[in-house]
Amino acid sequence: MQLSPGMTLGQALKASDVVGSGGEAKVVIQGGEVRVNGEVETRRGRRLIEGDVIEVGDERLEVR
């Protein structure tokens, strides 16, 4: 799945099947388990831009 600029962080996690639901995305993000560009991100509504790198556990996703 390609992640597009303008998606929210929560949408990106669901679209890439890192999480199964929006509720699960909320828990993972607010739990401090998600990094965007190397920084912990706790806002699931954060809009992603081209070149952002999302890391959750062993998963690494890039916005293109």
C-alpha atoms as a PDB file:
ATOM      1  CA  MET A   1       0.000   0.000   0.000  1.00  0.00           C
ATOM      2  CA  GLN A   2       1.345   3.381  -0.955  1.00  0.00           C
ATOM      3  CA  LEU A   3       0.841   6.120   1.591  1.00  0.00           C
ATOM      4  CA  SER A   4      -0.145   9.487   0.157  1.00  0.00           C
ATOM      5  CA  PRO A   5       0.697  12.966   1.409  1.00  0.00           C
ATOM      6  CA  GLY A   6      -2.277  14.488   3.227  1.00  0.00           C
ATOM      7  CA  MET A   7      -3.338  11.261   4.963  1.00  0.00           C
ATOM      8  CA  THR A   8      -3.536  11.345   8.733  1.00  0.00           C
ATOM      9  CA  LEU A   9      -1.253   9.149  10.786  1.00  0.00           C
ATOM     10  CA  GLY A  10      -4.199   7.005  11.911  1.00  0.00           C
ATOM     11  CA  GLN A  11      -5.382   6.519   8.318  1.00  0.00           C
ATOM     12  CA  ALA A  12      -1.868   5.555   7.239  1.00  0.00           C
ATOM     13  CA  LEU A  13      -1.567   2.873   9.921  1.00  0.00           C
ATOM     14  CA  LYS A  14      -4.936   1.395   8.942  1.00  0.00           C
ATOM     15  CA  ALA A  15      -4.244   1.573   5.203  1.00  0.00           C
ATOM     16  CA  SER A  16      -0.932  -0.234   5.593  1.00  0.00           C
ATOM     17  CA  ASP A  17      -2.486  -2.929   7.829  1.00  0.00           C
ATOM     18  CA  VAL A  18      -0.202  -2.100  10.765  1.00  0.00           C
ATOM     19  CA  VAL A  19      -3.402  -1.928  12.838  1.00  0.00           C
ATOM     20  CA  GLY A  20      -6.813  -3.419  12.248  1.00  0.00           C
ATOM     21  CA  SER A  21      -9.016  -0.510  13.275  1.00  0.00           C
ATOM     22  CA  GLY A  22      -9.113   3.162  14.102  1.00  0.00           C
ATOM     23  CA  GLY A  23      -9.461   2.306  17.780  1.00  0.00           C
ATOM     24  CA  GLU A  24      -6.327   0.201  17.671  1.00  0.00           C
ATOM     25  CA  ALA A  25      -4.504   3.021  15.856  1.00  0.00           C
ATOM     26  CA  LYS A  26      -5.523   5.417  18.625  1.00  0.00           C
ATOM     27  CA  VAL A  27      -4.164   3.110  21.347  1.00  0.00           C
ATOM     28  CA  VAL A  28      -0.862   2.483  19.550  1.00  0.00           C
ATOM     29  CA  ILE A  29      -0.310   6.163  18.709  1.00  0.00           C
ATOM     30  CA  GLN A  30      -1.300   7.571  22.102  1.00  0.00           C
ATOM     31  CA  GLY A  31       0.780   4.858  23.773  1.00  0.00           C
ATOM     32  CA  GLY A  32       3.916   6.396  22.267  1.00  0.00           C
ATOM     33  CA  GLU A  33       4.655   3.382  20.055  1.00  0.00           C
ATOM     34  CA  VAL A  34       4.775   5.343  16.782  1.00  0.00           C
ATOM     35  CA  ARG A  35       7.634   7.475  15.490  1.00  0.00           C
ATOM     36  CA  VAL A  36       7.455   9.887  12.577  1.00  0.00           C
ATOM     37  CA  ASN A  37      10.843  10.957  11.251  1.00  0.00           C
ATOM     38  CA  GLY A  38      12.487   9.558  14.376  1.00  0.00           C
ATOM     39  CA  GLU A  39      10.279  11.486  16.828  1.00  0.00           C
ATOM     40  CA  VAL A  40       7.515   9.940  18.957  1.00  0.00           C
ATOM     41  CA  GLU A  41       4.156  11.139  17.626  1.00  0.00           C
ATOM     42  CA  THR A  42       1.016  10.952  19.758  1.00  0.00           C
ATOM     43  CA  ARG A  43      -1.422  12.792  17.440  1.00  0.00           C
ATOM     44  CA  ARG A  44      -3.343  10.393  15.216  1.00  0.00           C
ATOM     45  CA  GLY A  45      -4.673  13.361  13.220  1.00  0.00           C
ATOM     46  CA  ARG A  46      -1.205  14.514  12.195  1.00  0.00           C
ATOM     47  CA  ARG A  47      -1.179  15.144   8.448  1.00  0.00           C
ATOM     48  CA  LEU A  48       1.636  13.373   6.676  1.00  0.00           C
ATOM     49  CA  ILE A  49       3.787  14.963   3.997  1.00  0.00           C
ATOM     50  CA  GLU A  50       5.911  13.447   1.250  1.00  0.00           C
ATOM     51  CA  GLY A  51       9.100  11.923   2.639  1.00  0.00           C
ATOM     52  CA  ASP A  52       7.759  11.268   6.144  1.00  0.00           C
ATOM     53  CA  VAL A  53       8.976   7.966   7.586  1.00  0.00           C
ATOM     54  CA  ILE A  54       6.692   6.150  10.037  1.00  0.00           C
ATOM     55  CA  GLU A  55       8.051   3.474  12.352  1.00  0.00           C
ATOM     56  CA  VAL A  56       5.968   1.122  14.485  1.00  0.00           C
ATOM     57  CA  GLY A  57       7.886  -1.772  15.998  1.00  0.00           C
ATOM     58  CA  ASP A  58       9.605  -3.536  13.094  1.00  0.00           C
ATOM     59  CA  GLU A  59       7.423  -1.808  10.475  1.00  0.00           C
ATOM     60  CA  ARG A  60       8.873   1.094   8.482  1.00  0.00           C
ATOM     61  CA  LEU A  61       6.602   3.036   6.134  1.00  0.00           C
ATOM     62  CA  GLU A  62       7.417   5.938   3.821  1.00  0.00           C
ATOM     63  CA  VAL A  63       5.000   8.547   2.489  1.00  0.00           C
ATOM     64  CA  ARG A  64       5.419   9.048  -1.268  1.00  0.00           C
END
